[in-house]
PDB file of all heavy atoms in Angstrom:
ATOM      1  N   TYR A   1     109.931 100.506  67.928  1.00  0.00           N
ATOM      2  CA  TYR A   1     110.960 101.004  66.998  1.00  0.00           C
ATOM      3  C   TYR A   1     111.358 102.435  67.386  1.00  0.00           C
ATOM      4  O   TYR A   1     110.533 103.334  67.424  1.00  0.00           O
ATOM      5  CB  TYR A   1     110.398 100.959  65.601  1.00  0.00           C
ATOM      6  CG  TYR A   1     109.965  99.649  65.044  1.00  0.00           C
ATOM      7  CD1 TYR A   1     108.601  99.308  65.111  1.00  0.00           C
ATOM      8  CD2 TYR A   1     110.897  98.693  64.620  1.00  0.00           C
ATOM      9  CE1 TYR A   1     108.161  98.076  64.662  1.00  0.00           C
ATOM     10  CE2 TYR A   1     110.480  97.426  64.130  1.00  0.00           C
ATOM     11  CZ  TYR A   1     109.106  97.187  64.169  1.00  0.00           C
ATOM     12  OH  TYR A   1     108.665  95.961  63.746  1.00  0.00           O
ATOM     13  N   PRO A   2     112.611 102.646  67.652  1.00  0.00           N
ATOM     14  CA  PRO A   2     113.042 103.979  68.139  1.00  0.00           C
ATOM     15  C   PRO A   2     112.647 105.132  67.194  1.00  0.00           C
ATOM     16  O   PRO A   2     112.340 106.207  67.669  1.00  0.00           O
ATOM     17  CB  PRO A   2     114.606 103.872  68.232  1.00  0.00           C
ATOM     18  CG  PRO A   2     114.884 102.426  68.427  1.00  0.00           C
ATOM     19  CD  PRO A   2     113.741 101.735  67.697  1.00  0.00           C
ATOM     20  N   ALA A   3     112.554 104.857  65.917  1.00  0.00           N
ATOM     21  CA  ALA A   3     112.192 105.945  64.944  1.00  0.00           C
ATOM     22  C   ALA A   3     110.715 106.398  65.161  1.00  0.00           C
ATOM     23  O   ALA A   3     110.375 107.510  64.819  1.00  0.00           O
ATOM     24  CB  ALA A   3     112.370 105.496  63.556  1.00  0.00           C
ATOM     25  N   ASN A   4     109.910 105.492  65.755  1.00  0.00           N
ATOM     26  CA  ASN A   4     108.485 105.779  65.928  1.00  0.00           C
ATOM     27  C   ASN A   4     108.221 106.354  67.318  1.00  0.00           C
ATOM     28  O   ASN A   4     107.069 106.857  67.530  1.00  0.00           O
ATOM     29  CB  ASN A   4     107.684 104.522  65.767  1.00  0.00           C
ATOM     30  CG  ASN A   4     107.739 103.940  64.369  1.00  0.00           C
ATOM     31  OD1 ASN A   4     108.095 104.661  63.397  1.00  0.00           O
ATOM     32  ND2 ASN A   4     107.327 102.732  64.241  1.00  0.00           N
ATOM     33  N   VAL A   5     109.116 106.348  68.241  1.00  0.00           N
ATOM     34  CA  VAL A   5     108.886 106.715  69.561  1.00  0.00           C
ATOM     35  C   VAL A   5     108.803 108.281  69.660  1.00  0.00           C
ATOM     36  O   VAL A   5     109.692 108.996  69.199  1.00  0.00           O
ATOM     37  CB  VAL A   5     110.025 106.246  70.500  1.00  0.00           C
ATOM     38  CG1 VAL A   5     109.841 106.730  71.932  1.00  0.00           C
ATOM     39  CG2 VAL A   5     110.005 104.659  70.522  1.00  0.00           C
ATOM     40  N   ARG A   6     107.799 108.735  70.389  1.00  0.00           N
ATOM     41  CA  ARG A   6     107.570 110.174  70.646  1.00  0.00           C
ATOM     42  C   ARG A   6     107.221 110.359  72.079  1.00  0.00           C
ATOM     43  O   ARG A   6     106.505 109.548  72.675  1.00  0.00           O
ATOM     44  CB  ARG A   6     106.499 110.740  69.714  1.00  0.00           C
ATOM     45  CG  ARG A   6     106.910 110.816  68.252  1.00  0.00           C
ATOM     46  CD  ARG A   6     105.734 111.191  67.328  1.00  0.00           C
ATOM     47  NE  ARG A   6     104.968 112.314  67.899  1.00  0.00           N
ATOM     48  CZ  ARG A   6     103.782 112.726  67.386  1.00  0.00           C
ATOM     49  NH1 ARG A   6     103.245 112.127  66.352  1.00  0.00           N
ATOM     50  NH2 ARG A   6     103.162 113.745  67.938  1.00  0.00           N
ATOM     51  N   ALA A   7     107.540 111.492  72.570  1.00  0.00           N
ATOM     52  CA  ALA A   7     107.168 111.805  74.008  1.00  0.00           C
ATOM     53  C   ALA A   7     105.660 111.784  74.185  1.00  0.00           C
ATOM     54  O   ALA A   7     105.192 111.420  75.314  1.00  0.00           O
ATOM     55  CB  ALA A   7     107.732 113.246  74.408  1.00  0.00           C
ATOM     56  N   ASP A   8     104.869 112.122  73.168  1.00  0.00           N
ATOM     57  CA  ASP A   8     103.423 112.123  73.243  1.00  0.00           C
ATOM     58  C   ASP A   8     102.873 110.814  73.702  1.00  0.00           C
ATOM     59  O   ASP A   8     101.714 110.742  74.263  1.00  0.00           O
ATOM     60  CB  ASP A   8     102.818 112.497  71.924  1.00  0.00           C
ATOM     61  CG  ASP A   8     103.286 113.935  71.469  1.00  0.00           C
ATOM     62  OD1 ASP A   8     104.423 114.079  71.193  1.00  0.00           O
ATOM     63  OD2 ASP A   8     102.376 114.810  71.376  1.00  0.00           O
ATOM     64  N   TRP A   9     103.484 109.677  73.377  1.00  0.00           N
ATOM     65  CA  TRP A   9     102.960 108.389  73.664  1.00  0.00           C
ATOM     66  C   TRP A   9     102.972 107.997  75.156  1.00  0.00           C
ATOM     67  O   TRP A   9     102.521 106.982  75.536  1.00  0.00           O
ATOM     68  CB  TRP A   9     103.651 107.289  72.825  1.00  0.00           C
ATOM     69  CG  TRP A   9     103.827 107.506  71.372  1.00  0.00           C
ATOM     70  CD1 TRP A   9     104.824 107.008  70.613  1.00  0.00           C
ATOM     71  CD2 TRP A   9     102.983 108.237  70.466  1.00  0.00           C
ATOM     72  NE1 TRP A   9     104.713 107.388  69.327  1.00  0.00           N
ATOM     73  CE2 TRP A   9     103.588 108.132  69.159  1.00  0.00           C
ATOM     74  CE3 TRP A   9     101.797 108.962  70.609  1.00  0.00           C
ATOM     75  CZ2 TRP A   9     103.022 108.706  68.072  1.00  0.00           C
ATOM     76  CZ3 TRP A   9     101.252 109.590  69.474  1.00  0.00           C
ATOM     77  CH2 TRP A   9     101.821 109.455  68.243  1.00  0.00           C
ATOM     78  N   PHE A  10     103.613 108.875  75.945  1.00  0.00           N
ATOM     79  CA  PHE A  10     103.901 108.419  77.347  1.00  0.00           C
ATOM     80  C   PHE A  10     103.253 109.412  78.326  1.00  0.00           C
ATOM     81  O   PHE A  10     103.794 109.720  79.352  1.00  0.00           O
ATOM     82  CB  PHE A  10     105.388 108.297  77.549  1.00  0.00           C
ATOM     83  CG  PHE A  10     106.045 107.385  76.609  1.00  0.00           C
ATOM     84  CD1 PHE A  10     106.715 107.899  75.484  1.00  0.00           C
ATOM     85  CD2 PHE A  10     105.918 106.014  76.721  1.00  0.00           C
ATOM     86  CE1 PHE A  10     107.274 107.050  74.546  1.00  0.00           C
ATOM     87  CE2 PHE A  10     106.448 105.150  75.807  1.00  0.00           C
ATOM     88  CZ  PHE A  10     107.156 105.627  74.722  1.00  0.00           C
ATOM     89  N   ILE A  11     102.003 109.772  78.026  1.00  0.00           N
ATOM     90  CA  ILE A  11     101.177 110.477  79.081  1.00  0.00           C
ATOM     91  C   ILE A  11     100.406 109.499  79.848  1.00  0.00           C
ATOM     92  O   ILE A  11      99.623 108.729  79.239  1.00  0.00           O
ATOM     93  CB  ILE A  11     100.285 111.520  78.357  1.00  0.00           C
ATOM     94  CG1 ILE A  11     101.099 112.490  77.502  1.00  0.00           C
ATOM     95  CG2 ILE A  11      99.463 112.298  79.340  1.00  0.00           C
ATOM     96  CD1 ILE A  11     102.092 113.307  78.277  1.00  0.00           C
ATOM     97  N   ARG A  12     100.537 109.456  81.096  1.00  0.00           N
ATOM     98  CA  ARG A  12      99.893 108.444  81.947  1.00  0.00           C
ATOM     99  C   ARG A  12      98.951 109.088  82.966  1.00  0.00           C
ATOM    100  O   ARG A  12      99.201 110.176  83.548  1.00  0.00           O
ATOM    101  CB  ARG A  12     100.915 107.651  82.760  1.00  0.00           C
ATOM    102  CG  ARG A  12     102.189 107.307  81.990  1.00  0.00           C
ATOM    103  CD  ARG A  12     101.916 106.191  81.000  1.00  0.00           C
ATOM    104  NE  ARG A  12     103.202 105.618  80.564  1.00  0.00           N
ATOM    105  CZ  ARG A  12     103.270 104.742  79.562  1.00  0.00           C
ATOM    106  NH1 ARG A  12     102.238 104.371  78.918  1.00  0.00           N
ATOM    107  NH2 ARG A  12     104.474 104.228  79.215  1.00  0.00           N
ATOM    108  N   PRO A  13      97.772 108.430  83.277  1.00  0.00           N
ATOM    109  CA  PRO A  13      97.036 108.847  84.418  1.00  0.00           C
ATOM    110  C   PRO A  13      97.828 108.598  85.679  1.00  0.00           C
ATOM    111  O   PRO A  13      98.456 107.523  85.835  1.00  0.00           O
ATOM    112  CB  PRO A  13      95.766 107.921  84.375  1.00  0.00           C
ATOM    113  CG  PRO A  13      96.200 106.782  83.540  1.00  0.00           C
ATOM    114  CD  PRO A  13      97.185 107.281  82.566  1.00  0.00           C
ATOM    115  N   ALA A  14      97.871 109.571  86.575  1.00  0.00           N
ATOM    116  CA  ALA A  14      98.870 109.550  87.675  1.00  0.00           C
ATOM    117  C   ALA A  14      98.209 109.150  89.047  1.00  0.00           C
ATOM    118  O   ALA A  14      98.813 109.349  90.029  1.00  0.00           O
ATOM    119  CB  ALA A  14      99.575 110.851  87.833  1.00  0.00           C
ATOM    120  N   ASP A  15      96.984 108.563  88.972  1.00  0.00           N
ATOM    121  CA  ASP A  15      96.321 108.144  90.244  1.00  0.00           C
ATOM    122  C   ASP A  15      97.220 107.211  91.024  1.00  0.00           C
ATOM    123  O   ASP A  15      97.826 106.283  90.492  1.00  0.00           O
ATOM    124  CB  ASP A  15      94.999 107.438  89.965  1.00  0.00           C
ATOM    125  CG  ASP A  15      94.094 108.314  89.150  1.00  0.00           C
ATOM    126  OD1 ASP A  15      94.546 108.755  88.070  1.00  0.00           O
ATOM    127  OD2 ASP A  15      92.922 108.488  89.464  1.00  0.00           O
ATOM    128  N   PHE A  16      97.329 107.451  92.379  1.00  0.00           N
ATOM    129  CA  PHE A  16      98.116 106.509  93.236  1.00  0.00           C
ATOM    130  C   PHE A  16      97.622 106.568  94.641  1.00  0.00           C
ATOM    131  O   PHE A  16      96.923 107.546  95.031  1.00  0.00           O
ATOM    132  CB  PHE A  16      99.605 106.866  93.146  1.00  0.00           C
ATOM    133  CG  PHE A  16      99.977 108.169  93.906  1.00  0.00           C
ATOM    134  CD1 PHE A  16     100.323 108.114  95.225  1.00  0.00           C
ATOM    135  CD2 PHE A  16      99.913 109.384  93.270  1.00  0.00           C
ATOM    136  CE1 PHE A  16     100.621 109.304  95.918  1.00  0.00           C
ATOM    137  CE2 PHE A  16     100.229 110.528  93.926  1.00  0.00           C
ATOM    138  CZ  PHE A  16     100.575 110.532  95.257  1.00  0.00           C
ATOM    139  N   PHE A  17      98.002 105.571  95.386  1.00  0.00           N
ATOM    140  CA  PHE A  17      97.764 105.518  96.839  1.00  0.00           C
ATOM    141  C   PHE A  17      99.018 105.155  97.486  1.00  0.00           C
ATOM    142  O   PHE A  17      99.823 104.279  97.083  1.00  0.00           O
ATOM    143  CB  PHE A  17      96.666 104.486  97.215  1.00  0.00           C
ATOM    144  CG  PHE A  17      96.553 104.291  98.693  1.00  0.00           C
ATOM    145  CD1 PHE A  17      95.763 105.095  99.444  1.00  0.00           C
ATOM    146  CD2 PHE A  17      97.255 103.191  99.314  1.00  0.00           C
ATOM    147  CE1 PHE A  17      95.696 104.892 100.838  1.00  0.00           C
ATOM    148  CE2 PHE A  17      97.170 103.037 100.708  1.00  0.00           C
ATOM    149  CZ  PHE A  17      96.355 103.878 101.404  1.00  0.00           C
ATOM    150  N   LYS A  18      99.362 105.847  98.639  1.00  0.00           N
ATOM    151  CA  LYS A  18     100.529 105.470  99.425  1.00  0.00           C
ATOM    152  C   LYS A  18     100.200 105.389 100.908  1.00  0.00           C
ATOM    153  O   LYS A  18      99.379 106.133 101.480  1.00  0.00           O
ATOM    154  CB  LYS A  18     101.616 106.572  99.258  1.00  0.00           C
ATOM    155  CG  LYS A  18     102.412 106.495  98.009  1.00  0.00           C
ATOM    156  CD  LYS A  18     103.568 107.509  98.016  1.00  0.00           C
ATOM    157  CE  LYS A  18     104.380 107.399  96.798  1.00  0.00           C
ATOM    158  NZ  LYS A  18     105.562 108.317  96.794  1.00  0.00           N
ATOM    159  N   LEU A  19     100.814 104.357 101.595  1.00  0.00           N
ATOM    160  CA  LEU A  19     100.726 104.307 102.973  1.00  0.00           C
ATOM    161  C   LEU A  19     101.851 105.300 103.478  1.00  0.00           C
ATOM    162  O   LEU A  19     103.022 104.960 103.499  1.00  0.00           O
ATOM    163  CB  LEU A  19     101.065 102.892 103.497  1.00  0.00           C
ATOM    164  CG  LEU A  19     101.015 102.693 104.996  1.00  0.00           C
ATOM    165  CD1 LEU A  19      99.685 103.101 105.620  1.00  0.00           C
ATOM    166  CD2 LEU A  19     101.416 101.232 105.364  1.00  0.00           C
ATOM    167  N   ARG A  20     101.369 106.461 103.819  1.00  0.00           N
ATOM    168  CA  ARG A  20     102.348 107.584 104.063  1.00  0.00           C
ATOM    169  C   ARG A  20     103.134 107.323 105.357  1.00  0.00           C
ATOM    170  O   ARG A  20     104.371 107.574 105.364  1.00  0.00           O
ATOM    171  CB  ARG A  20     101.609 108.893 104.227  1.00  0.00           C
ATOM    172  CG  ARG A  20     101.025 109.448 102.869  1.00  0.00           C
ATOM    173  CD  ARG A  20     102.106 109.786 101.946  1.00  0.00           C
ATOM    174  NE  ARG A  20     101.545 110.600 100.774  1.00  0.00           N
ATOM    175  CZ  ARG A  20     102.312 110.905  99.809  1.00  0.00           C
ATOM    176  NH1 ARG A  20     103.586 110.567  99.682  1.00  0.00           N
ATOM    177  NH2 ARG A  20     101.764 111.580  98.793  1.00  0.00           N
ATOM    178  N   SER A  21     102.568 106.794 106.372  1.00  0.00           N
ATOM    179  CA  SER A  21     103.232 106.552 107.616  1.00  0.00           C
ATOM    180  C   SER A  21     102.658 105.478 108.435  1.00  0.00           C
ATOM    181  O   SER A  21     101.417 105.204 108.375  1.00  0.00           O
ATOM    182  CB  SER A  21     103.310 107.900 108.454  1.00  0.00           C
ATOM    183  OG  SER A  21     101.992 108.262 108.833  1.00  0.00           O
ATOM    184  N   LEU A  22     103.475 104.779 109.179  1.00  0.00           N
ATOM    185  CA  LEU A  22     103.064 103.786 110.170  1.00  0.00           C
ATOM    186  C   LEU A  22     104.005 103.900 111.360  1.00  0.00           C
ATOM    187  O   LEU A  22     105.187 103.814 111.191  1.00  0.00           O
ATOM    188  CB  LEU A  22     103.135 102.390 109.504  1.00  0.00           C
ATOM    189  CG  LEU A  22     102.820 101.215 110.446  1.00  0.00           C
ATOM    190  CD1 LEU A  22     101.372 101.314 110.947  1.00  0.00           C
ATOM    191  CD2 LEU A  22     103.095  99.887 109.793  1.00  0.00           C
ATOM    192  N   SER A  23     103.448 104.083 112.502  1.00  0.00           N
ATOM    193  CA  SER A  23     104.284 104.289 113.705  1.00  0.00           C
ATOM    194  C   SER A  23     103.764 103.487 114.894  1.00  0.00           C
ATOM    195  O   SER A  23     102.534 103.245 115.047  1.00  0.00           O
ATOM    196  CB  SER A  23     104.232 105.804 114.072  1.00  0.00           C
ATOM    197  OG  SER A  23     104.774 106.587 113.096  1.00  0.00           O
ATOM    198  N   ILE A  24     104.749 103.017 115.670  1.00  0.00           N
ATOM    199  CA  ILE A  24     104.414 102.303 116.960  1.00  0.00           C
ATOM    200  C   ILE A  24     105.140 103.036 118.076  1.00  0.00           C
ATOM    201  O   ILE A  24     106.359 103.220 118.003  1.00  0.00           O
ATOM    202  CB  ILE A  24     104.791 100.843 116.852  1.00  0.00           C
ATOM    203  CG1 ILE A  24     104.119 100.160 115.714  1.00  0.00           C
ATOM    204  CG2 ILE A  24     104.531 100.201 118.203  1.00  0.00           C
ATOM    205  CD1 ILE A  24     104.572  98.698 115.510  1.00  0.00           C
ATOM    206  N   HIS A  25     104.480 103.429 119.110  1.00  0.00           N
ATOM    207  CA  HIS A  25     105.064 104.167 120.275  1.00  0.00           C
ATOM    208  C   HIS A  25     104.966 103.341 121.528  1.00  0.00           C
ATOM    209  O   HIS A  25     103.837 102.910 121.878  1.00  0.00           O
ATOM    210  CB  HIS A  25     104.404 105.514 120.458  1.00  0.00           C
ATOM    211  CG  HIS A  25     104.449 106.380 119.225  1.00  0.00           C
ATOM    212  ND1 HIS A  25     105.509 107.202 118.963  1.00  0.00           N
ATOM    213  CD2 HIS A  25     103.504 106.573 118.277  1.00  0.00           C
ATOM    214  CE1 HIS A  25     105.224 107.856 117.788  1.00  0.00           C
ATOM    215  NE2 HIS A  25     104.029 107.462 117.374  1.00  0.00           N
ATOM    216  N   ILE A  26     106.046 102.956 122.104  1.00  0.00           N
ATOM    217  CA  ILE A  26     106.067 102.130 123.297  1.00  0.00           C
ATOM    218  C   ILE A  26     106.663 102.914 124.478  1.00  0.00           C
ATOM    219  O   ILE A  26     107.848 103.166 124.481  1.00  0.00           O
ATOM    220  CB  ILE A  26     106.837 100.830 123.060  1.00  0.00           C
ATOM    221  CG1 ILE A  26     106.274 100.158 121.798  1.00  0.00           C
ATOM    222  CG2 ILE A  26     106.803  99.921 124.277  1.00  0.00           C
ATOM    223  CD1 ILE A  26     107.076  98.897 121.450  1.00  0.00           C
ATOM    224  N   PRO A  27     105.866 103.351 125.436  1.00  0.00           N
ATOM    225  CA  PRO A  27     106.456 103.975 126.654  1.00  0.00           C
ATOM    226  C   PRO A  27     107.344 102.995 127.408  1.00  0.00           C
ATOM    227  O   PRO A  27     106.972 101.811 127.567  1.00  0.00           O
ATOM    228  CB  PRO A  27     105.228 104.443 127.427  1.00  0.00           C
ATOM    229  CG  PRO A  27     104.108 104.404 126.447  1.00  0.00           C
ATOM    230  CD  PRO A  27     104.385 103.305 125.489  1.00  0.00           C
ATOM    231  N   ILE A  28     108.455 103.471 127.896  1.00  0.00           N
ATOM    232  CA  ILE A  28     109.324 102.647 128.665  1.00  0.00           C
ATOM    233  C   ILE A  28     109.203 103.018 130.082  1.00  0.00           C
ATOM    234  O   ILE A  28     109.348 104.164 130.535  1.00  0.00           O
ATOM    235  CB  ILE A  28     110.840 102.910 128.211  1.00  0.00           C
ATOM    236  CG1 ILE A  28     111.019 102.555 126.736  1.00  0.00           C
ATOM    237  CG2 ILE A  28     111.781 102.097 129.088  1.00  0.00           C
ATOM    238  CD1 ILE A  28     112.355 102.884 126.252  1.00  0.00           C
ATOM    239  N   PRO A  29     108.792 102.029 131.013  1.00  0.00           N
ATOM    240  CA  PRO A  29     108.578 102.298 132.399  1.00  0.00           C
ATOM    241  C   PRO A  29     109.796 102.919 133.072  1.00  0.00           C
ATOM    242  O   PRO A  29     110.919 102.621 132.707  1.00  0.00           O
ATOM    243  CB  PRO A  29     108.252 100.888 132.956  1.00  0.00           C
ATOM    244  CG  PRO A  29     107.768 100.117 131.797  1.00  0.00           C
ATOM    245  CD  PRO A  29     108.496 100.652 130.617  1.00  0.00           C
ATOM    246  N   SER A  30     109.534 103.691 134.083  1.00  0.00           N
ATOM    247  CA  SER A  30     110.629 104.433 134.749  1.00  0.00           C
ATOM    248  C   SER A  30     111.579 103.517 135.467  1.00  0.00           C
ATOM    249  O   SER A  30     112.732 103.856 135.643  1.00  0.00           O
ATOM    250  CB  SER A  30     110.053 105.450 135.712  1.00  0.00           C
ATOM    251  OG  SER A  30     109.238 104.760 136.681  1.00  0.00           O
ATOM    252  N   LYS A  31     111.123 102.323 135.842  1.00  0.00           N
ATOM    253  CA  LYS A  31     111.984 101.382 136.507  1.00  0.00           C
ATOM    254  C   LYS A  31     113.144 100.847 135.601  1.00  0.00           C
ATOM    255  O   LYS A  31     114.135 100.360 136.033  1.00  0.00           O
ATOM    256  CB  LYS A  31     111.223 100.208 137.039  1.00  0.00           C
ATOM    257  CG  LYS A  31     110.571  99.319 136.002  1.00  0.00           C
ATOM    258  CD  LYS A  31     109.790  98.141 136.671  1.00  0.00           C
ATOM    259  CE  LYS A  31     109.109  97.325 135.607  1.00  0.00           C
ATOM    260  NZ  LYS A  31     108.354  96.168 136.284  1.00  0.00           N
ATOM    261  N   PHE A  32     112.934 100.987 134.278  1.00  0.00           N
ATOM    262  CA  PHE A  32     113.992 100.654 133.345  1.00  0.00           C
ATOM    263  C   PHE A  32     114.869 101.793 132.946  1.00  0.00           C
ATOM    264  O   PHE A  32     115.885 101.611 132.289  1.00  0.00           O
ATOM    265  CB  PHE A  32     113.375 100.025 132.054  1.00  0.00           C
ATOM    266  CG  PHE A  32     112.629  98.765 132.339  1.00  0.00           C
ATOM    267  CD1 PHE A  32     111.333  98.590 131.983  1.00  0.00           C
ATOM    268  CD2 PHE A  32     113.274  97.645 132.911  1.00  0.00           C
ATOM    269  CE1 PHE A  32     110.586  97.469 132.205  1.00  0.00           C
ATOM    270  CE2 PHE A  32     112.557  96.461 133.111  1.00  0.00           C
ATOM    271  CZ  PHE A  32     111.229  96.359 132.788  1.00  0.00           C
ATOM    272  N   THR A  33     114.470 103.041 133.245  1.00  0.00           N
ATOM    273  CA  THR A  33     115.232 104.218 132.929  1.00  0.00           C
ATOM    274  C   THR A  33     115.807 105.012 134.023  1.00  0.00           C
ATOM    275  O   THR A  33     116.381 106.055 133.823  1.00  0.00           O
ATOM    276  CB  THR A  33     114.296 105.142 132.072  1.00  0.00           C
ATOM    277  OG1 THR A  33     113.245 105.591 132.946  1.00  0.00           O
ATOM    278  CG2 THR A  33     113.774 104.438 130.864  1.00  0.00           C
ATOM    279  N   GLY A  34     115.628 104.528 135.265  1.00  0.00           N
ATOM    280  CA  GLY A  34     116.212 105.150 136.395  1.00  0.00           C
ATOM    281  C   GLY A  34     115.364 106.425 136.828  1.00  0.00           C
ATOM    282  O   GLY A  34     115.934 107.329 137.430  1.00  0.00           O
ATOM    283  N   GLY A  35     114.096 106.458 136.442  1.00  0.00           N
ATOM    284  CA  GLY A  35     113.254 107.537 136.907  1.00  0.00           C
ATOM    285  C   GLY A  35     112.800 108.504 135.896  1.00  0.00           C
ATOM    286  O   GLY A  35     111.824 109.207 136.012  1.00  0.00           O
ATOM    287  N   SER A  36     113.532 108.680 134.751  1.00  0.00           N
ATOM    288  CA  SER A  36     113.161 109.565 133.697  1.00  0.00           C
ATOM    289  C   SER A  36     112.159 108.904 132.730  1.00  0.00           C
ATOM    290  O   SER A  36     112.120 107.669 132.646  1.00  0.00           O
ATOM    291  CB  SER A  36     114.397 110.084 132.948  1.00  0.00           C
ATOM    292  OG  SER A  36     115.048 109.000 132.349  1.00  0.00           O
ATOM    293  N   GLU A  37     111.355 109.698 132.007  1.00  0.00           N
ATOM    294  CA  GLU A  37     110.454 109.162 131.019  1.00  0.00           C
ATOM    295  C   GLU A  37     111.096 108.933 129.692  1.00  0.00           C
ATOM    296  O   GLU A  37     112.025 109.707 129.289  1.00  0.00           O
ATOM    297  CB  GLU A  37     109.270 110.165 130.880  1.00  0.00           C
ATOM    298  CG  GLU A  37     108.389 110.395 132.128  1.00  0.00           C
ATOM    299  CD  GLU A  37     107.256 111.284 131.800  1.00  0.00           C
ATOM    300  OE1 GLU A  37     107.184 111.825 130.697  1.00  0.00           O
ATOM    301  OE2 GLU A  37     106.427 111.468 132.761  1.00  0.00           O
ATOM    302  N   ALA A  38     110.697 107.877 129.042  1.00  0.00           N
ATOM    303  CA  ALA A  38     111.313 107.578 127.713  1.00  0.00           C
ATOM    304  C   ALA A  38     110.242 106.787 126.871  1.00  0.00           C
ATOM    305  O   ALA A  38     109.327 106.207 127.396  1.00  0.00           O
ATOM    306  CB  ALA A  38     112.514 106.771 127.852  1.00  0.00           C
ATOM    307  N   THR A  39     110.377 106.895 125.552  1.00  0.00           N
ATOM    308  CA  THR A  39     109.464 106.233 124.609  1.00  0.00           C
ATOM    309  C   THR A  39     110.319 105.715 123.485  1.00  0.00           C
ATOM    310  O   THR A  39     111.160 106.375 122.975  1.00  0.00           O
ATOM    311  CB  THR A  39     108.404 107.203 124.106  1.00  0.00           C
ATOM    312  OG1 THR A  39     107.667 107.815 125.147  1.00  0.00           O
ATOM    313  CG2 THR A  39     107.501 106.500 123.142  1.00  0.00           C
ATOM    314  N   PHE A  40     109.973 104.475 123.186  1.00  0.00           N
ATOM    315  CA  PHE A  40     110.631 103.801 122.043  1.00  0.00           C
ATOM    316  C   PHE A  40     109.691 103.934 120.826  1.00  0.00           C
ATOM    317  O   PHE A  40     108.516 103.606 120.955  1.00  0.00           O
ATOM    318  CB  PHE A  40     110.907 102.339 122.288  1.00  0.00           C
ATOM    319  CG  PHE A  40     111.469 101.606 121.069  1.00  0.00           C
ATOM    320  CD1 PHE A  40     112.756 101.722 120.689  1.00  0.00           C
ATOM    321  CD2 PHE A  40     110.528 100.772 120.320  1.00  0.00           C
ATOM    322  CE1 PHE A  40     113.180 101.005 119.569  1.00  0.00           C
ATOM    323  CE2 PHE A  40     111.009 100.183 119.228  1.00  0.00           C
ATOM    324  CZ  PHE A  40     112.306 100.211 118.823  1.00  0.00           C
TER     325      PHE A  40
END
């Protein structure tokens, strides 16, 4: 009921976990780049 709603009722424990980052690095051989180094 909107008349009963107060900000006090919505204090929550804030514990959380996140997978912050995930990366894959693939070096590209020079034969595909004409001699220079590159990474995907």
